[in-house]
Amino acid sequence: MKVLVVGSGAREHALCWKLAQSSKVRELYCAPGNPGIGDIPRITLVDAKTPAGITEFAWYQAVDLVVVGPDHLLEQSLADRLTERKVAVFGPTRRAAKIEWSKVFAKAFMDRHDIPTAPWLAVSRGGTARKAVSALGGGPSVVLKADGLARGKGVFVTNSEDELDAALKTLFVDRSFGTASDVVIVEEKMRGQEVSVTGISDGKRVLVLPDVMDYKQAHDGDRGPNTGGMGAHSPSFILDDEKREYIRTHILQKAVDGLRKEDREFRGALTANLMITDEGGIYVLEFNARFGDPECQVQMLRINEDIAPIFYAAATGKLGKGDIAVKECAAACIVLTSAPYPGTPHIEESISSVLLTGTRGDLVEFHANTARRASDGRLITVGGRVLNICATGGTLQEALKKAYEGAAKVWWDHKAFRKDIGWRVLKKAQGTSVSEAIDKSTA
């Protein structure tokens, strides 16, 4: 079949990399893609960025399946347009994707369908937000979330009055996220560890992918502002079979069933970002109506079967039963950024790398924000998150070692990255196999 992947980041690079291995895919396109995606054999880059342009290309080329990566295109009704043209799309309609693009809708939806989430209040002014903080009883230790899409940066975890003041200023005075913060969620802060679990759904059934631990803070030790993600590893090493089953049935399946009952049938990847509390509770922090980034990258490295027919079955409402085959290994991802990130990064800096022409099977480089300079064809930085260096290994330590060794071979003047990805679980995974590490870390 012909497949079109929509997007230009490392997540879409990982999806293209995996789909290019499929025996079912005859032609593979990416719109608009990036230089790394363009280097994949058999792939064609398409200069289309808008829902109208993407839809016209897919229809004209008789594409069999469109896989949508970015959240903003789902909000802009890309899946609806494609469905109207009778093109199968792995990605939810705008109504179904509202579970991501409106935090207020998502929280109210979870309350309606008895999906566990933290106590919350919605506010539209800084003064009202302060009253909400007092009502939740947490003092200045709360979580503030812009209602709309904010490119992974609209969440503020505050621990002091100064941090609360700064967050409220960013949201309501500076208006750093525009209309996305017209309404803000004030949420009770929970303590524990965050995990991401993605389910693939055809609107009725859910197949669960490998769990992931994502590291969102900008600096080592989980300090600094939230970002779109500084690294990840899979497994998360904090979920056992009982918790995975609970997440599948009480969170992902409940969400899919609830969306269908509200005439919002969900076809695509539904990611639950979860808090596993110190007391053992499991709560939804938020839902994403697509693959996470960088979670997708490590998931693609661990999936041990052809994903093209799975995506097509989900898009056409014909997903089978059973589990997705997963490799018995660990996968790690190191996100290389251009400093200052998540501030305004230095761009158009030349990238030097010995990985660009020789990616190994256990060490893969995914492009996020790169381009070719017109004057000389050199690879340059064009955004905050620039490259992802991903690796697999028999243990988490082995995967991280390979990834960090790969990261050291890439250079540009303002390269920055976290040097402690995996630190939360390494103490419990001392050189053991993946299965033994999971047993240890969940004991």
Protein backbone atom coordinates (compact mmCIF):
# COMPACT_ATOMS: atom_id res chain seq x y z
CA MET A 1 0.00 0.00 0.00
CA LYS A 2 0.88 3.69 -0.25
CA VAL A 3 1.46 5.40 3.11
CA LEU A 4 1.83 9.10 3.91
CA VAL A 5 3.31 10.18 7.27
CA VAL A 6 2.48 13.77 8.24
CA GLY A 7 4.98 15.82 10.26
CA SER A 8 8.58 16.98 10.35
CA GLY A 9 10.03 15.99 13.72
CA ALA A 10 11.89 13.12 15.34
CA ARG A 11 8.60 11.33 16.10
CA GLU A 12 7.73 11.31 12.39
CA HIS A 13 11.30 10.27 11.53
CA ALA A 14 10.90 7.26 13.84
CA LEU A 15 7.53 6.37 12.29
CA CYS A 16 8.99 6.60 8.77
CA TRP A 17 12.02 4.55 9.82
CA LYS A 18 9.74 1.79 11.13
CA LEU A 19 7.27 1.89 8.24
CA ALA A 20 10.14 1.72 5.72
CA GLN A 21 10.88 -1.77 7.09
CA SER A 22 7.35 -2.97 6.25
CA SER A 23 6.81 -5.54 3.54
CA LYS A 24 3.28 -4.17 3.12
CA VAL A 25 4.36 -0.64 2.16
CA ARG A 26 4.92 -0.13 -1.57
CA GLU A 27 5.41 3.65 -1.54
CA LEU A 28 6.17 5.84 1.47
CA TYR A 29 5.79 9.62 1.62
CA CYS A 30 6.33 12.20 4.34
CA ALA A 31 4.89 15.73 4.40
CA PRO A 32 6.89 17.89 4.88
CA GLY A 33 9.59 15.70 6.50
CA ASN A 34 13.18 16.68 7.31
CA PRO A 35 16.68 15.89 5.98
CA GLY A 36 16.97 12.72 8.05
CA ILE A 37 13.64 11.40 6.80
CA GLY A 38 14.70 12.26 3.27
CA ASP A 39 17.74 10.01 3.66
CA ILE A 40 15.58 6.91 4.30
CA PRO A 41 15.53 4.64 1.23
CA ARG A 42 12.18 4.44 -0.59
CA ILE A 43 10.79 7.65 0.93
CA THR A 44 9.63 10.75 -0.92
CA LEU A 45 9.32 14.14 0.79
CA VAL A 46 6.20 16.14 -0.03
CA ASP A 47 6.04 19.94 0.24
CA ALA A 48 2.64 20.05 1.94
CA LYS A 49 2.00 21.51 5.40
CA THR A 50 -1.64 22.57 5.59
CA PRO A 51 -4.64 20.24 6.06
CA ALA A 52 -5.93 21.25 2.61
CA GLY A 53 -2.60 20.60 0.88
CA ILE A 54 -2.02 17.29 2.64
CA THR A 55 -5.54 16.10 1.85
CA GLU A 56 -5.26 17.03 -1.82
CA PHE A 57 -1.95 15.20 -2.18
CA ALA A 58 -3.27 12.05 -0.44
CA TRP A 59 -6.38 11.99 -2.61
CA TYR A 60 -4.57 12.74 -5.87
CA GLN A 61 -1.89 10.09 -5.25
CA ALA A 62 -4.49 7.50 -4.12
CA VAL A 63 -2.73 7.08 -0.77
CA ASP A 64 -4.08 4.09 1.16
CA LEU A 65 -3.17 5.28 4.67
CA VAL A 66 -2.23 8.60 6.26
CA VAL A 67 -0.46 8.55 9.64
CA VAL A 68 -0.76 11.90 11.44
CA GLY A 69 2.00 12.91 13.86
CA PRO A 70 1.45 16.50 15.13
CA ASP A 71 -1.36 17.49 17.51
CA HIS A 72 -2.13 20.86 15.88
CA LEU A 73 -3.14 19.24 12.59
CA LEU A 74 -5.63 17.04 14.43
CA GLU A 75 -7.11 20.15 16.03
CA GLN A 76 -7.30 21.66 12.53
CA SER A 77 -9.50 18.75 11.36
CA LEU A 78 -6.99 17.00 9.09
CA ALA A 79 -8.48 13.57 9.89
CA ASP A 80 -11.98 14.88 9.15
CA ARG A 81 -10.88 16.20 5.74
CA LEU A 82 -9.19 12.92 4.83
CA THR A 83 -12.20 10.87 5.93
CA GLU A 84 -14.47 13.01 3.74
CA ARG A 85 -12.23 12.10 0.78
CA LYS A 86 -12.45 8.38 1.70
CA VAL A 87 -8.76 8.21 2.69
CA ALA A 88 -8.00 5.94 5.67
CA VAL A 89 -6.32 7.95 8.43
CA PHE A 90 -4.50 6.82 11.55
CA GLY A 91 -5.36 9.79 13.73
CA PRO A 92 -8.59 10.96 15.39
CA THR A 93 -11.15 13.47 14.21
CA ARG A 94 -11.17 16.95 15.73
CA ARG A 95 -14.01 15.97 18.09
CA ALA A 96 -12.11 12.93 19.36
CA ALA A 97 -8.79 14.80 19.55
CA LYS A 98 -10.39 17.34 21.89
CA ILE A 99 -9.25 15.03 24.69
CA GLU A 100 -5.83 16.58 24.04
CA TRP A 101 -6.41 20.07 22.66
CA SER A 102 -8.66 21.11 25.55
CA LYS A 103 -7.41 20.30 29.05
CA VAL A 104 -10.72 21.49 30.52
CA PHE A 105 -12.66 19.09 28.31
CA ALA A 106 -10.27 16.25 29.18
CA LYS A 107 -10.55 16.77 32.94
CA ALA A 108 -14.35 16.99 32.80
CA PHE A 109 -14.43 13.93 30.52
CA MET A 110 -12.36 11.93 33.01
CA ASP A 111 -14.68 12.94 35.84
CA ARG A 112 -17.73 11.90 33.79
CA HIS A 113 -16.29 8.48 32.99
CA ASP A 114 -14.68 7.70 36.34
CA ILE A 115 -11.11 7.82 35.04
CA PRO A 116 -8.74 8.66 37.92
CA THR A 117 -7.22 12.15 37.77
CA ALA A 118 -6.10 14.81 40.25
CA PRO A 119 -8.60 17.30 41.76
CA TRP A 120 -8.79 20.44 39.62
CA LEU A 121 -10.41 23.81 38.99
CA ALA A 122 -10.61 25.90 35.81
CA VAL A 123 -9.82 29.64 35.97
CA SER A 124 -9.53 32.54 33.55
CA ARG A 125 -7.70 35.21 35.59
CA GLY A 126 -4.67 35.35 37.85
CA GLY A 127 -6.70 36.44 40.87
CA THR A 128 -9.16 33.59 40.41
CA ALA A 129 -6.21 31.23 40.05
CA ARG A 130 -4.93 32.24 43.48
CA LYS A 131 -8.36 31.50 44.98
CA ALA A 132 -8.29 28.10 43.28
CA VAL A 133 -4.85 27.38 44.76
CA SER A 134 -6.23 28.13 48.22
CA ALA A 135 -9.32 26.00 47.59
CA LEU A 136 -7.20 23.00 46.63
CA GLY A 137 -5.28 23.38 49.88
CA GLY A 138 -1.80 22.80 48.50
CA GLY A 139 -0.33 26.21 49.21
CA PRO A 140 1.96 27.32 46.38
CA SER A 141 2.68 23.68 45.44
CA VAL A 142 0.30 23.17 42.52
CA VAL A 143 0.27 22.39 38.80
CA LEU A 144 -0.91 25.00 36.28
CA LYS A 145 -1.84 23.94 32.74
CA ALA A 146 -2.84 26.03 29.75
CA ASP A 147 -6.12 24.70 28.40
CA GLY A 148 -5.04 24.66 24.74
CA LEU A 149 -2.08 23.30 22.82
CA ALA A 150 1.25 24.83 23.92
CA ARG A 151 3.85 22.59 22.22
CA GLY A 152 4.56 20.68 25.44
CA LYS A 153 5.52 23.84 27.35
CA GLY A 154 2.23 24.99 28.88
CA VAL A 155 2.58 23.12 32.18
CA PHE A 156 4.05 24.72 35.31
CA VAL A 157 4.81 22.80 38.51
CA THR A 158 5.27 25.33 41.32
CA ASN A 159 6.80 24.79 44.74
CA SER A 160 7.02 28.35 46.11
CA GLU A 161 5.23 31.70 45.97
CA ASP A 162 7.90 33.04 43.63
CA GLU A 163 7.41 30.15 41.20
CA LEU A 164 3.63 30.56 41.40
CA ASP A 165 3.94 34.30 40.69
CA ALA A 166 6.21 33.62 37.71
CA ALA A 167 3.85 30.99 36.25
CA LEU A 168 0.78 33.21 36.60
CA LYS A 169 2.66 36.09 34.95
CA THR A 170 3.68 33.88 32.02
CA LEU A 171 0.14 32.60 31.54
CA PHE A 172 -2.03 35.65 32.21
CA VAL A 173 0.17 38.75 31.87
CA ASP A 174 2.82 37.90 29.27
CA ARG A 175 0.32 35.70 27.39
CA SER A 176 3.21 33.54 26.25
CA PHE A 177 0.81 30.91 24.90
CA GLY A 178 -1.74 33.26 23.39
CA THR A 179 -5.32 32.00 23.40
CA ALA A 180 -4.17 28.59 24.67
CA SER A 181 -4.14 30.11 28.18
CA ASP A 182 -7.49 31.91 27.99
CA VAL A 183 -8.49 29.22 30.48
CA VAL A 184 -6.01 27.55 32.84
CA ILE A 185 -6.31 24.38 34.90
CA VAL A 186 -5.20 24.59 38.52
CA GLU A 187 -4.51 21.05 39.66
CA GLU A 188 -3.54 19.42 42.93
CA LYS A 189 0.10 18.38 42.82
CA MET A 190 0.74 14.66 43.23
CA ARG A 191 4.04 13.08 44.16
CA GLY A 192 5.44 10.03 42.45
CA GLN A 193 6.86 9.01 39.08
CA GLU A 194 5.50 9.81 35.64
CA VAL A 195 4.96 7.13 33.00
CA SER A 196 3.51 7.24 29.48
CA VAL A 197 1.42 4.38 28.09
CA THR A 198 0.10 4.44 24.52
CA GLY A 199 -2.82 2.45 23.21
CA ILE A 200 -3.63 1.92 19.53
CA SER A 201 -7.39 1.98 19.01
CA ASP A 202 -9.87 1.43 16.19
CA GLY A 203 -12.63 3.13 18.16
CA LYS A 204 -13.56 0.01 20.10
CA ARG A 205 -10.51 -2.10 20.95
CA VAL A 206 -7.15 -1.07 22.41
CA LEU A 207 -3.72 -2.63 21.84
CA VAL A 208 -1.12 -1.39 24.31
CA LEU A 209 2.44 -0.43 23.32
CA PRO A 210 5.55 -0.64 25.55
CA ASP A 211 5.46 1.76 28.52
CA VAL A 212 7.88 4.70 28.58
CA MET A 213 9.44 7.04 31.12
CA ASP A 214 9.86 10.54 29.70
CA TYR A 215 12.11 13.25 31.19
CA LYS A 216 10.51 16.66 30.59
CA GLN A 217 12.46 19.09 32.78
CA ALA A 218 15.22 20.99 30.98
CA HIS A 219 18.06 20.30 33.41
CA ASP A 220 19.67 17.39 35.25
CA GLY A 221 17.94 16.23 38.40
CA ASP A 222 14.51 17.12 36.98
CA ARG A 223 15.13 20.82 37.48
CA GLY A 224 14.14 23.79 35.35
CA PRO A 225 11.13 24.45 33.12
CA ASN A 226 9.06 21.80 31.39
CA THR A 227 10.02 21.11 27.79
CA GLY A 228 8.71 18.95 24.99
CA GLY A 229 10.94 16.16 26.35
CA MET A 230 14.68 15.78 26.98
CA GLY A 231 14.90 12.01 26.79
CA ALA A 232 13.10 8.77 27.44
CA HIS A 233 13.52 5.06 27.98
CA SER A 234 11.39 1.96 27.62
CA PRO A 235 10.45 0.00 29.66
CA SER A 236 9.65 2.54 32.37
CA PHE A 237 10.79 -0.05 34.94
CA ILE A 238 8.06 0.92 37.40
CA LEU A 239 5.04 -0.95 35.97
CA ASP A 240 4.28 -4.61 36.64
CA ASP A 241 1.72 -6.73 34.77
CA GLU A 242 -1.05 -5.85 37.24
CA LYS A 243 -0.54 -2.11 36.78
CA ARG A 244 -0.35 -2.47 32.99
CA GLU A 245 -3.65 -4.34 32.94
CA TYR A 246 -5.25 -1.70 35.17
CA ILE A 247 -4.05 1.03 32.80
CA ARG A 248 -5.37 -0.85 29.78
CA THR A 249 -8.83 -1.54 31.22
CA HIS A 250 -9.50 1.33 33.65
CA ILE A 251 -7.85 4.16 31.72
CA LEU A 252 -7.26 3.55 28.00
CA GLN A 253 -10.28 1.30 27.34
CA LYS A 254 -12.53 3.49 29.50
CA ALA A 255 -11.39 6.55 27.57
CA VAL A 256 -12.04 4.91 24.18
CA ASP A 257 -15.45 3.65 25.32
CA GLY A 258 -16.37 7.05 26.76
CA LEU A 259 -15.35 8.88 23.60
CA ARG A 260 -17.42 6.51 21.47
CA LYS A 261 -20.48 7.00 23.71
CA GLU A 262 -20.11 10.76 23.24
CA ASP A 263 -19.96 10.40 19.44
CA ARG A 264 -16.20 10.98 19.38
CA GLU A 265 -14.96 7.62 18.10
CA PHE A 266 -11.19 7.54 18.48
CA ARG A 267 -9.02 5.88 15.82
CA GLY A 268 -5.28 6.29 16.25
CA ALA A 269 -2.75 6.43 19.08
CA LEU A 270 -4.05 7.52 22.49
CA THR A 271 -1.28 8.25 25.00
CA ALA A 272 -2.00 8.47 28.71
CA ASN A 273 0.57 10.46 30.67
CA LEU A 274 0.30 9.01 34.15
CA MET A 275 1.42 9.68 37.69
CA ILE A 276 2.26 6.57 39.71
CA THR A 277 2.05 8.00 43.21
CA ASP A 278 4.29 7.09 46.12
CA GLU A 279 1.26 5.32 47.64
CA GLY A 280 0.79 3.17 44.52
CA GLY A 281 -2.15 5.04 42.98
CA ILE A 282 -2.40 5.59 39.21
CA TYR A 283 -3.77 8.92 37.94
CA VAL A 284 -4.00 10.50 34.48
CA LEU A 285 -2.08 13.75 34.17
CA GLU A 286 -3.24 14.31 30.59
CA PHE A 287 -4.10 12.52 27.37
CA ASN A 288 -2.37 12.98 24.03
CA ALA A 289 -4.35 12.14 20.89
CA ARG A 290 -1.21 10.88 19.11
CA PHE A 291 2.20 9.35 19.80
CA GLY A 292 4.34 11.16 22.31
CA ASP A 293 7.69 12.70 21.43
CA PRO A 294 10.26 11.34 22.39
CA GLU A 295 8.18 8.37 23.64
CA CYS A 296 7.40 7.23 20.09
CA GLN A 297 11.08 6.91 19.24
CA VAL A 298 11.82 4.29 21.90
CA GLN A 299 8.52 2.51 21.26
CA MET A 300 9.37 2.06 17.57
CA LEU A 301 12.74 0.58 18.54
CA ARG A 302 11.06 -2.04 20.74
CA ILE A 303 8.08 -3.07 18.58
CA ASN A 304 8.91 -6.41 16.98
CA GLU A 305 6.42 -6.61 14.14
CA ASP A 306 5.20 -4.80 11.06
CA ILE A 307 3.27 -1.72 12.19
CA ALA A 308 1.76 -0.83 8.79
CA PRO A 309 -1.08 -3.40 8.91
CA ILE A 310 -1.73 -2.51 12.58
CA PHE A 311 -2.11 1.18 11.74
CA TYR A 312 -4.33 0.37 8.75
CA ALA A 313 -6.55 -1.96 10.81
CA ALA A 314 -6.98 0.75 13.45
CA ALA A 315 -7.77 3.38 10.81
CA THR A 316 -10.43 1.19 9.20
CA GLY A 317 -12.05 -0.07 12.43
CA LYS A 318 -10.77 -3.63 12.08
CA LEU A 319 -8.18 -4.02 14.81
CA GLY A 320 -7.66 -7.62 15.90
CA LYS A 321 -7.26 -9.00 19.37
CA GLY A 322 -3.99 -9.99 21.02
CA ASP A 323 -0.83 -8.21 22.01
CA ILE A 324 1.75 -6.34 19.94
CA ALA A 325 5.05 -8.22 19.80
CA VAL A 326 7.79 -6.45 21.78
CA LYS A 327 11.54 -7.05 21.78
CA GLU A 328 13.06 -8.20 25.06
CA CYS A 329 15.40 -5.25 25.33
CA ALA A 330 15.65 -1.72 26.69
CA ALA A 331 15.58 1.37 24.48
CA ALA A 332 16.88 4.82 25.39
CA CYS A 333 16.63 8.24 23.73
CA ILE A 334 18.84 11.29 24.35
CA VAL A 335 17.46 14.57 23.01
CA LEU A 336 20.12 16.98 21.79
CA THR A 337 18.99 20.60 21.94
CA SER A 338 20.29 23.98 20.87
CA ALA A 339 20.72 26.21 23.92
CA PRO A 340 19.00 27.99 25.44
CA TYR A 341 16.11 25.52 25.40
CA PRO A 342 13.17 25.90 26.00
CA GLY A 343 14.04 29.58 25.45
CA THR A 344 14.95 31.10 22.10
CA PRO A 345 17.65 28.74 20.74
CA HIS A 346 20.66 29.51 18.59
CA ILE A 347 19.88 28.37 15.06
CA GLU A 348 21.60 27.86 11.71
CA GLU A 349 24.67 26.36 13.36
CA SER A 350 26.53 23.69 11.40
CA ILE A 351 26.14 20.12 12.68
CA SER A 352 29.06 17.71 12.58
CA SER A 353 28.33 14.01 13.08
CA VAL A 354 29.89 10.66 12.31
CA LEU A 355 26.45 9.05 12.69
CA LEU A 356 24.79 10.76 9.76
CA THR A 357 26.10 8.35 7.12
CA GLY A 358 26.20 5.12 9.10
CA THR A 359 23.35 4.37 11.49
CA ARG A 360 23.65 0.94 13.11
CA GLY A 361 20.67 -1.26 13.93
CA ASP A 362 21.12 -0.70 17.69
CA LEU A 363 22.01 3.00 17.39
CA VAL A 364 19.68 5.30 15.45
CA GLU A 365 19.71 9.05 14.89
CA PHE A 366 16.34 10.76 14.43
CA HIS A 367 16.16 14.37 13.19
CA ALA A 368 13.87 16.87 14.93
CA ASN A 369 14.80 20.42 13.82
CA THR A 370 17.42 20.26 11.08
CA ALA A 371 17.72 21.65 7.55
CA ARG A 372 20.18 21.84 4.68
CA ARG A 373 21.83 25.23 4.23
CA ALA A 374 21.08 26.54 0.74
CA SER A 375 24.57 27.87 0.12
CA ASP A 376 26.57 24.71 0.77
CA GLY A 377 24.18 21.86 1.67
CA ARG A 378 25.54 21.59 5.23
CA LEU A 379 23.21 20.24 7.91
CA ILE A 380 22.20 23.03 10.32
CA THR A 381 20.08 23.55 13.43
CA VAL A 382 16.69 25.24 12.96
CA GLY A 383 14.99 24.82 16.35
CA GLY A 384 15.26 23.88 20.01
CA ARG A 385 15.19 20.09 19.89
CA VAL A 386 17.60 19.21 17.09
CA LEU A 387 18.47 15.50 17.10
CA ASN A 388 17.53 12.36 19.02
CA ILE A 389 20.18 9.69 19.59
CA CYS A 390 18.46 6.39 20.36
CA ALA A 391 19.85 2.96 21.18
CA THR A 392 18.80 -0.49 22.34
CA GLY A 393 20.53 -2.89 24.72
CA GLY A 394 19.97 -5.89 26.93
CA THR A 395 19.89 -3.62 29.97
CA LEU A 396 18.96 0.00 30.48
CA GLN A 397 22.59 0.78 31.30
CA GLU A 398 23.72 -0.74 28.01
CA ALA A 399 21.15 1.19 25.98
CA LEU A 400 22.03 4.46 27.72
CA LYS A 401 25.77 3.87 27.27
CA LYS A 402 25.36 3.41 23.52
CA ALA A 403 23.08 6.44 23.22
CA TYR A 404 25.40 8.73 25.19
CA GLU A 405 28.43 7.50 23.23
CA GLY A 406 26.54 8.35 20.05
CA ALA A 407 25.56 11.77 21.43
CA ALA A 408 29.24 12.55 22.09
CA LYS A 409 30.01 12.12 18.37
CA VAL A 410 27.61 14.88 17.32
CA TRP A 411 28.55 18.55 17.61
CA TRP A 412 27.39 22.11 17.04
CA ASP A 413 28.39 25.21 18.97
CA HIS A 414 25.42 25.43 21.35
CA LYS A 415 24.64 21.73 21.71
CA ALA A 416 23.05 20.89 25.08
CA PHE A 417 21.49 17.79 26.58
CA ARG A 418 20.64 16.17 29.89
CA LYS A 419 23.35 13.87 31.18
CA ASP A 420 21.16 11.92 33.61
CA ILE A 421 18.43 10.28 31.54
CA GLY A 422 17.48 7.07 33.33
CA TRP A 423 18.61 8.25 36.76
CA ARG A 424 15.23 7.57 38.38
CA VAL A 425 15.47 3.82 37.86
CA LEU A 426 19.17 3.01 37.49
CA LYS A 427 19.57 2.32 41.19
CA LYS A 428 17.05 -0.50 40.83
CA ALA A 429 18.40 -1.88 37.56
CA GLN A 430 22.01 -2.64 38.38
CA GLY A 431 23.21 -4.50 35.31
CA THR A 432 20.40 -7.06 35.28
CA SER A 433 18.42 -8.24 32.29
CA VAL A 434 15.31 -6.28 31.37
CA SER A 435 12.91 -8.84 32.88
CA GLU A 436 14.94 -9.04 36.11
CA ALA A 437 15.16 -5.23 36.28
CA ILE A 438 11.39 -4.93 35.95
CA ASP A 439 10.93 -7.44 38.77
CA LYS A 440 13.39 -5.55 40.98
CA SER A 441 12.04 -2.09 40.24
CA THR A 442 8.43 -3.06 40.94
CA ALA A 443 9.12 -5.09 44.08
